[in-house]
Amino acid sequence: MKKTALGVLALAGTLFVQLAGAGPSTAAERVSTKTEMRGAGVTAEFVRTDGCIQTNVSVFGSVFTARGATPPEKLGFVSVTQVNTCTLVTLIDGSGDTTTLNLSVPNGLSKGRLTMSMEFTNYADAENPVVSAITADVSFRATAHATKTFEESKSRSEGIRFESSEGTKSRPVSAAGTVTLGTQEVLSPNTSSLSGTAGSVRSKEKTVTRPAK
């Protein structure tokens, strides 16, 4: 089955709720669970036109780390669609994903770099999909100031107190780089991104259970 960008990003989102660890205890109250997670990611969209050949490339990479957990959770994704607009023949239509990548994103999200390689499945011929190696090496630089958000909530029910907070930061970026499918360079460094975003998130959750009297 062909994988989609939406499905891969949904998988990345599950990282926010899968990581937890035990916390310390005191005489007054016992911390039953305590989670702290940090993550960063980048996404970029490209359109390249060479005569009749139009190529659309999407690149995504993220790294999430839970306090006390190793190694970090990583997810990378590349999709490519290539069409001959003169003959209306689809040459490439597929995607690939990986859990092995290198992502460098400073705290200010001012610039960074994403490199990764994976297996790519081309469904241009739906009855005979072709699997090839694909590599991506993309650098990005911020084009505007960061947007920040912070949300915090507290609740209590039947002796259990729940606290959570989440802070996010995102910046629009311009990206450029190389994506090579097999021996074909489907994206070259002289093609700037159509759109791109770099972001980071930090979330905390704590559940406190008071001992019975």
N, C-alpha and C. Protein backbone atom coordinates (compact mmCIF):
# COMPACT_ATOMS: atom_id res chain seq x y z
N MET A 1 0.84 -1.20 0.00
CA MET A 1 0.00 0.00 0.00
C MET A 1 0.87 1.25 0.00
N LYS A 2 0.49 2.23 -0.78
CA LYS A 2 1.26 3.46 -0.85
C LYS A 2 1.13 4.26 0.45
N LYS A 3 2.27 4.68 0.98
CA LYS A 3 2.28 5.48 2.20
C LYS A 3 2.05 6.94 1.85
N THR A 4 1.42 7.67 2.75
CA THR A 4 1.13 9.08 2.52
C THR A 4 1.81 9.94 3.55
N ALA A 5 1.99 11.23 3.21
CA ALA A 5 2.60 12.16 4.17
C ALA A 5 1.75 12.28 5.41
N LEU A 6 0.42 12.28 5.25
CA LEU A 6 -0.48 12.41 6.40
C LEU A 6 -0.30 11.25 7.36
N GLY A 7 -0.17 10.03 6.83
CA GLY A 7 0.01 8.87 7.68
C GLY A 7 1.31 8.90 8.43
N VAL A 8 2.38 9.33 7.77
CA VAL A 8 3.69 9.40 8.41
C VAL A 8 3.71 10.46 9.50
N LEU A 9 3.10 11.61 9.25
CA LEU A 9 3.07 12.67 10.26
C LEU A 9 2.21 12.26 11.45
N ALA A 10 1.15 11.48 11.21
CA ALA A 10 0.34 10.99 12.31
C ALA A 10 1.17 10.05 13.19
N LEU A 11 2.01 9.24 12.55
CA LEU A 11 2.90 8.36 13.32
C LEU A 11 3.85 9.18 14.18
N ALA A 12 4.38 10.26 13.62
CA ALA A 12 5.28 11.12 14.41
C ALA A 12 4.55 11.70 15.60
N GLY A 13 3.27 12.03 15.43
CA GLY A 13 2.51 12.63 16.52
C GLY A 13 2.32 11.71 17.70
N THR A 14 2.34 10.38 17.47
CA THR A 14 2.18 9.45 18.59
C THR A 14 3.34 9.50 19.56
N LEU A 15 4.46 10.05 19.14
CA LEU A 15 5.62 10.13 20.03
C LEU A 15 5.34 11.02 21.24
N PHE A 16 4.38 11.94 21.08
CA PHE A 16 4.07 12.86 22.17
C PHE A 16 3.42 12.14 23.35
N VAL A 17 2.79 11.00 23.11
CA VAL A 17 2.01 10.37 24.16
C VAL A 17 2.53 8.99 24.55
N GLN A 18 3.64 8.54 23.97
CA GLN A 18 4.12 7.20 24.24
C GLN A 18 5.25 7.13 25.26
N LEU A 19 5.80 8.27 25.67
CA LEU A 19 7.01 8.27 26.48
C LEU A 19 6.68 8.69 27.91
N ALA A 20 7.02 7.85 28.89
CA ALA A 20 6.75 8.18 30.29
C ALA A 20 7.77 7.50 31.19
N GLY A 21 7.97 8.05 32.40
CA GLY A 21 8.92 7.47 33.33
C GLY A 21 8.46 7.66 34.77
N ALA A 22 9.05 6.92 35.68
CA ALA A 22 8.68 7.00 37.08
C ALA A 22 9.30 8.22 37.72
N GLY A 23 8.59 8.82 38.71
CA GLY A 23 9.08 10.00 39.40
C GLY A 23 9.35 9.72 40.86
N PRO A 24 9.86 10.70 41.62
CA PRO A 24 10.21 10.50 43.02
C PRO A 24 8.98 10.49 43.93
N SER A 25 9.16 10.02 45.17
CA SER A 25 8.08 9.98 46.15
C SER A 25 8.44 10.81 47.36
N THR A 26 7.43 11.34 48.04
CA THR A 26 7.62 12.07 49.29
C THR A 26 6.60 11.56 50.29
N ALA A 27 6.75 11.97 51.57
CA ALA A 27 5.80 11.55 52.59
C ALA A 27 4.43 12.15 52.35
N ALA A 28 4.38 13.36 51.79
CA ALA A 28 3.11 14.05 51.61
C ALA A 28 2.35 13.57 50.38
N GLU A 29 3.08 13.23 49.32
CA GLU A 29 2.40 12.80 48.10
C GLU A 29 3.33 11.92 47.28
N ARG A 30 2.77 11.12 46.38
CA ARG A 30 3.56 10.23 45.54
C ARG A 30 3.33 10.59 44.07
N VAL A 31 4.41 10.82 43.34
CA VAL A 31 4.31 11.10 41.92
C VAL A 31 4.27 9.77 41.19
N SER A 32 3.14 9.42 40.60
CA SER A 32 3.00 8.13 39.94
C SER A 32 3.59 8.13 38.54
N THR A 33 3.47 9.24 37.82
CA THR A 33 4.09 9.33 36.50
C THR A 33 4.59 10.75 36.26
N LYS A 34 5.68 10.85 35.53
CA LYS A 34 6.24 12.15 35.18
C LYS A 34 6.92 12.03 33.83
N THR A 35 6.54 12.88 32.89
CA THR A 35 7.06 12.81 31.52
C THR A 35 7.54 14.18 31.09
N GLU A 36 8.71 14.22 30.46
CA GLU A 36 9.21 15.45 29.85
C GLU A 36 9.77 15.09 28.48
N MET A 37 9.30 15.77 27.44
CA MET A 37 9.67 15.46 26.07
C MET A 37 10.10 16.71 25.33
N ARG A 38 11.16 16.57 24.53
CA ARG A 38 11.60 17.65 23.65
C ARG A 38 11.68 17.11 22.23
N GLY A 39 11.34 17.96 21.27
CA GLY A 39 11.40 17.51 19.89
C GLY A 39 11.63 18.66 18.94
N ALA A 40 12.11 18.33 17.75
CA ALA A 40 12.31 19.33 16.70
C ALA A 40 12.06 18.67 15.35
N GLY A 41 11.64 19.46 14.39
CA GLY A 41 11.37 18.91 13.06
C GLY A 41 11.43 19.98 11.99
N VAL A 42 11.52 19.53 10.74
CA VAL A 42 11.54 20.44 9.60
C VAL A 42 10.79 19.79 8.45
N THR A 43 10.09 20.61 7.68
CA THR A 43 9.39 20.14 6.49
C THR A 43 9.59 21.14 5.37
N ALA A 44 9.68 20.65 4.14
CA ALA A 44 9.89 21.54 2.99
C ALA A 44 9.23 20.95 1.74
N GLU A 45 8.70 21.83 0.91
CA GLU A 45 8.06 21.44 -0.34
C GLU A 45 8.80 22.10 -1.50
N PHE A 46 9.04 21.32 -2.57
CA PHE A 46 9.78 21.82 -3.73
C PHE A 46 9.00 21.52 -5.02
N VAL A 47 9.14 22.40 -6.00
CA VAL A 47 8.62 22.16 -7.35
C VAL A 47 9.73 22.51 -8.32
N ARG A 48 10.09 21.54 -9.18
CA ARG A 48 11.16 21.73 -10.16
C ARG A 48 10.60 21.45 -11.55
N THR A 49 10.86 22.37 -12.51
CA THR A 49 10.39 22.20 -13.88
C THR A 49 11.56 22.22 -14.85
N ASP A 50 11.68 21.17 -15.65
CA ASP A 50 12.71 21.07 -16.70
C ASP A 50 11.99 20.74 -18.01
N GLY A 51 11.67 21.78 -18.79
CA GLY A 51 10.91 21.56 -20.01
C GLY A 51 9.54 21.01 -19.69
N CYS A 52 9.22 19.83 -20.21
CA CYS A 52 7.93 19.21 -19.96
C CYS A 52 7.88 18.44 -18.64
N ILE A 53 9.03 18.26 -18.00
CA ILE A 53 9.09 17.43 -16.80
C ILE A 53 8.92 18.29 -15.54
N GLN A 54 7.84 18.03 -14.80
CA GLN A 54 7.59 18.74 -13.54
C GLN A 54 7.73 17.75 -12.38
N THR A 55 8.55 18.12 -11.39
CA THR A 55 8.81 17.25 -10.25
C THR A 55 8.42 17.95 -8.96
N ASN A 56 7.61 17.29 -8.15
CA ASN A 56 7.22 17.77 -6.82
C ASN A 56 7.86 16.89 -5.76
N VAL A 57 8.56 17.53 -4.81
CA VAL A 57 9.26 16.79 -3.76
C VAL A 57 8.86 17.33 -2.40
N SER A 58 8.52 16.43 -1.47
CA SER A 58 8.24 16.79 -0.07
C SER A 58 9.24 16.08 0.82
N VAL A 59 9.80 16.82 1.79
CA VAL A 59 10.79 16.27 2.71
C VAL A 59 10.37 16.60 4.14
N PHE A 60 10.48 15.63 5.03
CA PHE A 60 10.12 15.82 6.43
C PHE A 60 11.09 15.05 7.31
N GLY A 61 11.50 15.66 8.43
CA GLY A 61 12.34 14.96 9.40
C GLY A 61 12.07 15.46 10.80
N SER A 62 12.08 14.55 11.78
CA SER A 62 11.85 14.95 13.17
C SER A 62 12.64 14.07 14.12
N VAL A 63 12.98 14.64 15.28
CA VAL A 63 13.67 13.92 16.35
C VAL A 63 13.01 14.28 17.67
N PHE A 64 12.59 13.27 18.44
CA PHE A 64 11.95 13.48 19.73
C PHE A 64 12.72 12.73 20.81
N THR A 65 12.90 13.37 21.96
CA THR A 65 13.64 12.75 23.06
C THR A 65 12.86 12.90 24.35
N ALA A 66 12.67 11.80 25.05
CA ALA A 66 12.04 11.83 26.38
C ALA A 66 13.12 11.82 27.43
N ARG A 67 12.91 12.57 28.51
CA ARG A 67 13.90 12.64 29.59
C ARG A 67 14.15 11.24 30.16
N GLY A 68 15.43 10.84 30.15
CA GLY A 68 15.80 9.54 30.68
C GLY A 68 15.67 8.40 29.68
N ALA A 69 15.19 8.71 28.47
CA ALA A 69 15.01 7.65 27.47
C ALA A 69 16.06 7.77 26.37
N THR A 70 16.63 6.64 25.97
CA THR A 70 17.59 6.61 24.87
C THR A 70 17.31 5.37 24.02
N PRO A 71 17.54 5.42 22.71
CA PRO A 71 17.95 6.60 21.94
C PRO A 71 16.75 7.46 21.58
N PRO A 72 16.96 8.63 20.94
CA PRO A 72 15.85 9.48 20.52
C PRO A 72 14.98 8.77 19.48
N GLU A 73 13.71 9.16 19.42
CA GLU A 73 12.79 8.66 18.40
C GLU A 73 12.94 9.55 17.17
N LYS A 74 13.23 8.93 16.00
CA LYS A 74 13.44 9.70 14.78
C LYS A 74 12.48 9.22 13.69
N LEU A 75 12.09 10.16 12.82
CA LEU A 75 11.23 9.81 11.70
C LEU A 75 11.51 10.72 10.53
N GLY A 76 11.78 10.13 9.36
CA GLY A 76 12.02 10.90 8.15
C GLY A 76 11.13 10.41 7.03
N PHE A 77 10.82 11.30 6.10
CA PHE A 77 9.87 10.97 5.03
C PHE A 77 10.22 11.78 3.78
N VAL A 78 10.14 11.13 2.62
CA VAL A 78 10.31 11.81 1.33
C VAL A 78 9.24 11.30 0.37
N SER A 79 8.58 12.21 -0.34
CA SER A 79 7.67 11.81 -1.41
C SER A 79 8.07 12.55 -2.69
N VAL A 80 7.90 11.88 -3.82
CA VAL A 80 8.25 12.45 -5.11
C VAL A 80 7.16 12.13 -6.12
N THR A 81 6.71 13.15 -6.85
CA THR A 81 5.81 12.97 -7.97
C THR A 81 6.43 13.66 -9.18
N GLN A 82 6.56 12.93 -10.26
CA GLN A 82 7.15 13.50 -11.47
C GLN A 82 6.25 13.18 -12.67
N VAL A 83 5.88 14.24 -13.40
CA VAL A 83 4.94 14.08 -14.52
C VAL A 83 5.49 14.76 -15.76
N ASN A 84 5.33 14.12 -16.92
CA ASN A 84 5.60 14.76 -18.21
C ASN A 84 4.34 15.52 -18.59
N THR A 85 4.36 16.84 -18.42
CA THR A 85 3.15 17.63 -18.65
C THR A 85 2.78 17.73 -20.13
N CYS A 86 3.70 17.37 -21.03
CA CYS A 86 3.39 17.39 -22.47
C CYS A 86 2.62 16.14 -22.89
N THR A 87 2.97 14.98 -22.30
CA THR A 87 2.31 13.73 -22.65
C THR A 87 1.33 13.26 -21.57
N LEU A 88 1.34 13.95 -20.40
CA LEU A 88 0.50 13.60 -19.25
C LEU A 88 0.80 12.19 -18.73
N VAL A 89 2.06 11.79 -18.85
CA VAL A 89 2.50 10.49 -18.33
C VAL A 89 3.17 10.69 -16.97
N THR A 90 2.74 9.93 -15.97
CA THR A 90 3.35 9.97 -14.65
C THR A 90 4.59 9.09 -14.63
N LEU A 91 5.73 9.67 -14.34
CA LEU A 91 7.00 8.95 -14.33
C LEU A 91 7.36 8.43 -12.94
N ILE A 92 7.09 9.23 -11.93
CA ILE A 92 7.37 8.84 -10.54
C ILE A 92 6.18 9.23 -9.67
N ASP A 93 5.76 8.35 -8.80
CA ASP A 93 4.69 8.64 -7.85
C ASP A 93 4.86 7.71 -6.65
N GLY A 94 5.58 8.18 -5.64
CA GLY A 94 5.83 7.30 -4.51
C GLY A 94 6.41 8.00 -3.31
N SER A 95 6.84 7.20 -2.34
CA SER A 95 7.36 7.76 -1.09
C SER A 95 8.21 6.73 -0.37
N GLY A 96 8.89 7.20 0.67
CA GLY A 96 9.67 6.33 1.53
C GLY A 96 9.79 6.97 2.90
N ASP A 97 10.04 6.16 3.93
CA ASP A 97 10.24 6.71 5.27
C ASP A 97 11.32 5.92 5.99
N THR A 98 11.87 6.52 7.03
CA THR A 98 12.98 5.92 7.76
C THR A 98 12.98 6.37 9.21
N THR A 99 13.60 5.58 10.06
CA THR A 99 13.79 5.97 11.46
C THR A 99 15.27 6.25 11.73
N THR A 100 16.05 6.37 10.67
CA THR A 100 17.47 6.70 10.78
C THR A 100 17.76 7.97 9.99
N LEU A 101 18.17 9.03 10.65
CA LEU A 101 18.45 10.29 9.98
C LEU A 101 19.33 11.16 10.87
N ASN A 102 19.85 12.21 10.27
CA ASN A 102 20.61 13.23 11.00
C ASN A 102 19.91 14.56 10.82
N LEU A 103 19.51 15.17 11.93
CA LEU A 103 18.82 16.46 11.89
C LEU A 103 19.50 17.42 12.84
N SER A 104 19.97 18.54 12.31
CA SER A 104 20.59 19.58 13.12
C SER A 104 19.70 20.80 13.11
N VAL A 105 19.14 21.15 14.28
CA VAL A 105 18.27 22.31 14.41
C VAL A 105 18.64 23.05 15.68
N PRO A 106 19.23 24.26 15.60
CA PRO A 106 19.55 25.01 16.82
C PRO A 106 18.28 25.46 17.52
N ASN A 107 18.41 25.82 18.78
CA ASN A 107 17.25 26.21 19.58
C ASN A 107 16.49 27.39 18.98
N GLY A 108 17.22 28.30 18.33
CA GLY A 108 16.56 29.46 17.72
C GLY A 108 15.92 29.19 16.38
N LEU A 109 16.10 27.98 15.85
CA LEU A 109 15.53 27.58 14.56
C LEU A 109 16.00 28.48 13.42
N SER A 110 17.17 29.06 13.55
CA SER A 110 17.63 30.01 12.54
C SER A 110 18.11 29.31 11.27
N LYS A 111 18.65 28.12 11.41
CA LYS A 111 19.13 27.37 10.26
C LYS A 111 19.30 25.91 10.68
N GLY A 112 19.62 25.05 9.72
CA GLY A 112 19.83 23.66 10.06
C GLY A 112 20.03 22.81 8.83
N ARG A 113 20.12 21.49 9.08
CA ARG A 113 20.38 20.57 7.98
C ARG A 113 19.76 19.21 8.29
N LEU A 114 19.21 18.57 7.26
CA LEU A 114 18.60 17.25 7.38
C LEU A 114 19.22 16.33 6.33
N THR A 115 19.77 15.20 6.76
CA THR A 115 20.30 14.20 5.83
C THR A 115 19.72 12.84 6.19
N MET A 116 19.38 12.05 5.17
CA MET A 116 18.81 10.72 5.43
C MET A 116 18.80 9.91 4.14
N SER A 117 18.67 8.61 4.29
CA SER A 117 18.53 7.70 3.16
C SER A 117 17.53 6.62 3.54
N MET A 118 16.86 6.05 2.53
CA MET A 118 15.79 5.09 2.79
C MET A 118 15.42 4.35 1.52
N GLU A 119 14.52 3.38 1.62
CA GLU A 119 13.95 2.73 0.46
C GLU A 119 12.73 3.52 -0.02
N PHE A 120 12.63 3.69 -1.32
CA PHE A 120 11.55 4.46 -1.94
C PHE A 120 10.78 3.52 -2.87
N THR A 121 9.45 3.54 -2.77
CA THR A 121 8.61 2.72 -3.64
C THR A 121 7.88 3.60 -4.64
N ASN A 122 8.13 3.35 -5.93
CA ASN A 122 7.52 4.12 -7.01
C ASN A 122 6.30 3.37 -7.52
N TYR A 123 5.11 3.99 -7.37
CA TYR A 123 3.85 3.38 -7.78
C TYR A 123 3.34 3.95 -9.11
N ALA A 124 4.23 4.54 -9.91
CA ALA A 124 3.80 5.08 -11.20
C ALA A 124 3.12 3.99 -12.04
N ASP A 125 3.67 2.78 -11.99
CA ASP A 125 3.02 1.60 -12.56
C ASP A 125 2.47 0.81 -11.38
N ALA A 126 1.18 1.00 -11.10
CA ALA A 126 0.59 0.43 -9.89
C ALA A 126 0.71 -1.08 -9.83
N GLU A 127 0.75 -1.76 -10.97
CA GLU A 127 0.82 -3.21 -10.98
C GLU A 127 2.26 -3.71 -10.82
N ASN A 128 3.22 -2.82 -11.04
CA ASN A 128 4.62 -3.21 -10.92
C ASN A 128 5.41 -2.12 -10.20
N PRO A 129 5.16 -1.93 -8.90
CA PRO A 129 5.90 -0.91 -8.14
C PRO A 129 7.39 -1.24 -8.11
N VAL A 130 8.19 -0.19 -8.14
CA VAL A 130 9.64 -0.34 -8.16
C VAL A 130 10.25 0.23 -6.88
N VAL A 131 11.09 -0.55 -6.22
CA VAL A 131 11.76 -0.11 -4.98
C VAL A 131 13.19 0.28 -5.30
N SER A 132 13.57 1.51 -4.91
CA SER A 132 14.92 2.02 -5.15
C SER A 132 15.41 2.73 -3.91
N ALA A 133 16.71 2.98 -3.86
CA ALA A 133 17.28 3.77 -2.76
C ALA A 133 17.10 5.25 -3.07
N ILE A 134 16.81 6.04 -2.03
CA ILE A 134 16.70 7.49 -2.19
C ILE A 134 17.46 8.15 -1.05
N THR A 135 18.16 9.23 -1.36
CA THR A 135 18.90 9.99 -0.35
C THR A 135 18.47 11.45 -0.42
N ALA A 136 18.49 12.11 0.72
CA ALA A 136 18.13 13.54 0.80
C ALA A 136 19.15 14.26 1.66
N ASP A 137 19.57 15.42 1.19
CA ASP A 137 20.49 16.29 1.94
C ASP A 137 19.99 17.71 1.75
N VAL A 138 19.29 18.23 2.75
CA VAL A 138 18.60 19.52 2.63
C VAL A 138 19.04 20.44 3.76
N SER A 139 19.41 21.67 3.40
CA SER A 139 19.74 22.70 4.38
C SER A 139 18.65 23.76 4.36
N PHE A 140 18.44 24.41 5.49
CA PHE A 140 17.38 25.42 5.55
C PHE A 140 17.82 26.60 6.40
N ARG A 141 17.19 27.74 6.12
CA ARG A 141 17.50 28.98 6.84
C ARG A 141 16.19 29.74 7.07
N ALA A 142 16.03 30.29 8.27
CA ALA A 142 14.80 31.00 8.62
C ALA A 142 14.61 32.26 7.78
N THR A 143 13.36 32.55 7.45
CA THR A 143 13.03 33.73 6.66
C THR A 143 12.19 34.74 7.42
N ALA A 144 11.81 34.42 8.67
CA ALA A 144 11.00 35.34 9.48
C ALA A 144 11.19 34.98 10.95
N HIS A 145 10.67 35.85 11.83
CA HIS A 145 10.78 35.60 13.27
C HIS A 145 9.95 34.40 13.68
N ALA A 146 10.31 33.83 14.81
CA ALA A 146 9.62 32.65 15.32
C ALA A 146 8.28 33.02 15.94
N THR A 147 7.35 32.09 15.85
CA THR A 147 6.06 32.19 16.52
C THR A 147 6.05 31.20 17.68
N LYS A 148 5.68 31.68 18.88
CA LYS A 148 5.71 30.82 20.06
C LYS A 148 4.30 30.67 20.64
N THR A 149 4.04 29.50 21.20
CA THR A 149 2.79 29.25 21.91
C THR A 149 3.11 28.52 23.21
N PHE A 150 2.26 28.69 24.21
CA PHE A 150 2.42 27.97 25.47
C PHE A 150 1.05 27.69 26.05
N GLU A 151 0.80 26.43 26.40
CA GLU A 151 -0.47 26.03 27.00
C GLU A 151 -0.19 25.23 28.27
N GLU A 152 -1.00 25.48 29.29
CA GLU A 152 -0.82 24.81 30.58
C GLU A 152 -2.18 24.47 31.15
N SER A 153 -2.30 23.29 31.76
CA SER A 153 -3.58 22.89 32.34
C SER A 153 -3.35 22.10 33.63
N LYS A 154 -4.31 22.22 34.56
CA LYS A 154 -4.28 21.48 35.82
C LYS A 154 -5.69 20.99 36.12
N SER A 155 -5.77 19.76 36.63
CA SER A 155 -7.08 19.22 37.01
C SER A 155 -6.91 18.27 38.18
N ARG A 156 -8.02 18.01 38.90
CA ARG A 156 -7.99 17.13 40.06
C ARG A 156 -9.26 16.29 40.06
N SER A 157 -9.10 14.99 40.38
CA SER A 157 -10.26 14.11 40.42
C SER A 157 -9.98 12.94 41.34
N GLU A 158 -10.80 12.77 42.37
CA GLU A 158 -10.73 11.63 43.29
C GLU A 158 -9.31 11.40 43.82
N GLY A 159 -8.70 12.47 44.31
CA GLY A 159 -7.38 12.36 44.92
C GLY A 159 -6.22 12.33 43.95
N ILE A 160 -6.48 12.46 42.67
CA ILE A 160 -5.42 12.45 41.66
C ILE A 160 -5.35 13.82 41.00
N ARG A 161 -4.15 14.39 40.98
CA ARG A 161 -3.93 15.69 40.34
C ARG A 161 -3.12 15.50 39.06
N PHE A 162 -3.58 16.13 37.98
CA PHE A 162 -2.91 16.03 36.69
C PHE A 162 -2.48 17.42 36.24
N GLU A 163 -1.21 17.54 35.85
CA GLU A 163 -0.67 18.81 35.36
C GLU A 163 0.01 18.57 34.01
N SER A 164 -0.18 19.49 33.09
CA SER A 164 0.49 19.36 31.79
C SER A 164 0.79 20.74 31.23
N SER A 165 1.86 20.81 30.44
CA SER A 165 2.21 22.06 29.76
C SER A 165 2.90 21.72 28.45
N GLU A 166 2.75 22.62 27.49
CA GLU A 166 3.39 22.41 26.19
C GLU A 166 3.75 23.76 25.58
N GLY A 167 5.01 23.89 25.21
CA GLY A 167 5.47 25.10 24.54
C GLY A 167 5.98 24.75 23.15
N THR A 168 5.59 25.51 22.15
CA THR A 168 6.03 25.26 20.78
C THR A 168 6.64 26.51 20.18
N LYS A 169 7.51 26.31 19.22
CA LYS A 169 8.12 27.41 18.49
C LYS A 169 8.22 26.99 17.03
N SER A 170 7.89 27.89 16.10
CA SER A 170 8.00 27.57 14.68
C SER A 170 8.44 28.79 13.89
N ARG A 171 9.17 28.53 12.80
CA ARG A 171 9.64 29.60 11.91
C ARG A 171 9.53 29.15 10.46
N PRO A 172 9.05 30.04 9.58
CA PRO A 172 9.11 29.71 8.16
C PRO A 172 10.56 29.70 7.70
N VAL A 173 10.88 28.76 6.81
CA VAL A 173 12.26 28.62 6.35
C VAL A 173 12.30 28.48 4.83
N SER A 174 13.45 28.84 4.28
CA SER A 174 13.76 28.56 2.88
C SER A 174 14.73 27.40 2.86
N ALA A 175 14.46 26.39 2.04
CA ALA A 175 15.29 25.19 2.02
C ALA A 175 15.81 24.93 0.61
N ALA A 176 16.94 24.26 0.55
CA ALA A 176 17.53 23.86 -0.74
C ALA A 176 18.43 22.66 -0.48
N GLY A 177 18.59 21.83 -1.50
CA GLY A 177 19.46 20.67 -1.33
C GLY A 177 19.34 19.69 -2.47
N THR A 178 19.72 18.45 -2.19
CA THR A 178 19.75 17.41 -3.21
C THR A 178 18.94 16.21 -2.75
N VAL A 179 18.09 15.70 -3.65
CA VAL A 179 17.38 14.44 -3.44
C VAL A 179 17.69 13.56 -4.65
N THR A 180 18.26 12.39 -4.40
CA THR A 180 18.67 11.49 -5.47
C THR A 180 17.93 10.17 -5.36
N LEU A 181 17.20 9.80 -6.40
CA LEU A 181 16.45 8.55 -6.46
C LEU A 181 17.18 7.61 -7.40
N GLY A 182 17.77 6.55 -6.84
CA GLY A 182 18.61 5.68 -7.66
C GLY A 182 19.80 6.48 -8.16
N THR A 183 19.89 6.63 -9.48
CA THR A 183 20.96 7.45 -10.08
C THR A 183 20.43 8.78 -10.59
N GLN A 184 19.12 9.04 -10.38
CA GLN A 184 18.51 10.27 -10.89
C GLN A 184 18.44 11.34 -9.81
N GLU A 185 18.97 12.52 -10.09
CA GLU A 185 18.88 13.64 -9.17
C GLU A 185 17.54 14.35 -9.41
N VAL A 186 16.55 14.02 -8.58
CA VAL A 186 15.22 14.58 -8.78
C VAL A 186 15.11 15.99 -8.21
N LEU A 187 16.05 16.36 -7.32
CA LEU A 187 16.09 17.72 -6.78
C LEU A 187 17.54 18.16 -6.72
N SER A 188 17.82 19.35 -7.28
CA SER A 188 19.18 19.88 -7.28
C SER A 188 19.25 21.12 -6.39
N PRO A 189 20.45 21.51 -5.95
CA PRO A 189 20.59 22.63 -5.02
C PRO A 189 20.11 23.97 -5.56
N ASN A 190 19.97 24.10 -6.89
CA ASN A 190 19.54 25.39 -7.43
C ASN A 190 18.02 25.56 -7.42
N THR A 191 17.30 24.60 -6.84
CA THR A 191 15.84 24.70 -6.71
C THR A 191 15.48 25.07 -5.28
N SER A 192 15.00 26.29 -5.06
CA SER A 192 14.60 26.72 -3.72
C SER A 192 13.23 26.16 -3.38
N SER A 193 12.97 26.02 -2.11
CA SER A 193 11.70 25.45 -1.66
C SER A 193 10.53 26.38 -1.96
N LEU A 194 9.39 25.76 -2.21
CA LEU A 194 8.15 26.51 -2.38
C LEU A 194 7.64 26.97 -1.02
N SER A 195 7.83 26.14 -0.02
CA SER A 195 7.46 26.47 1.36
C SER A 195 8.27 25.59 2.30
N GLY A 196 8.36 26.01 3.57
CA GLY A 196 9.09 25.22 4.55
C GLY A 196 8.86 25.75 5.95
N THR A 197 8.98 24.86 6.94
CA THR A 197 8.79 25.23 8.34
C THR A 197 9.74 24.42 9.22
N ALA A 198 10.36 25.10 10.17
CA ALA A 198 11.14 24.43 11.21
C ALA A 198 10.43 24.67 12.54
N GLY A 199 10.38 23.66 13.37
CA GLY A 199 9.66 23.82 14.63
C GLY A 199 10.27 23.01 15.75
N SER A 200 9.93 23.39 16.98
CA SER A 200 10.37 22.65 18.15
C SER A 200 9.24 22.63 19.17
N VAL A 201 9.28 21.63 20.06
CA VAL A 201 8.24 21.50 21.08
C VAL A 201 8.86 20.96 22.36
N ARG A 202 8.32 21.40 23.48
CA ARG A 202 8.70 20.87 24.79
C ARG A 202 7.43 20.67 25.60
N SER A 203 7.21 19.46 26.07
CA SER A 203 6.00 19.19 26.83
C SER A 203 6.34 18.48 28.13
N LYS A 204 5.51 18.72 29.15
CA LYS A 204 5.67 18.09 30.45
C LYS A 204 4.30 17.60 30.92
N GLU A 205 4.30 16.43 31.56
CA GLU A 205 3.08 15.89 32.17
C GLU A 205 3.43 15.27 33.51
N LYS A 206 2.55 15.46 34.49
CA LYS A 206 2.76 14.88 35.82
C LYS A 206 1.43 14.51 36.43
N THR A 207 1.38 13.27 36.96
CA THR A 207 0.20 12.80 37.66
C THR A 207 0.59 12.51 39.11
N VAL A 208 -0.11 13.14 40.04
CA VAL A 208 0.21 13.01 41.47
C VAL A 208 -0.94 12.32 42.19
N THR A 209 -0.63 11.26 42.90
CA THR A 209 -1.64 10.52 43.66
C THR A 209 -1.34 10.66 45.14
N ARG A 210 -2.27 11.21 45.91
CA ARG A 210 -2.07 11.37 47.35
C ARG A 210 -2.38 10.04 48.04
N PRO A 211 -1.57 9.66 49.03
CA PRO A 211 -1.79 8.39 49.73
C PRO A 211 -3.11 8.41 50.51
N ALA A 212 -3.73 7.25 50.61
CA ALA A 212 -4.99 7.16 51.36
C ALA A 212 -4.73 7.37 52.85
N LYS A 213 -5.66 8.06 53.52
CA LYS A 213 -5.51 8.33 54.95
C LYS A 213 -6.10 7.20 55.80
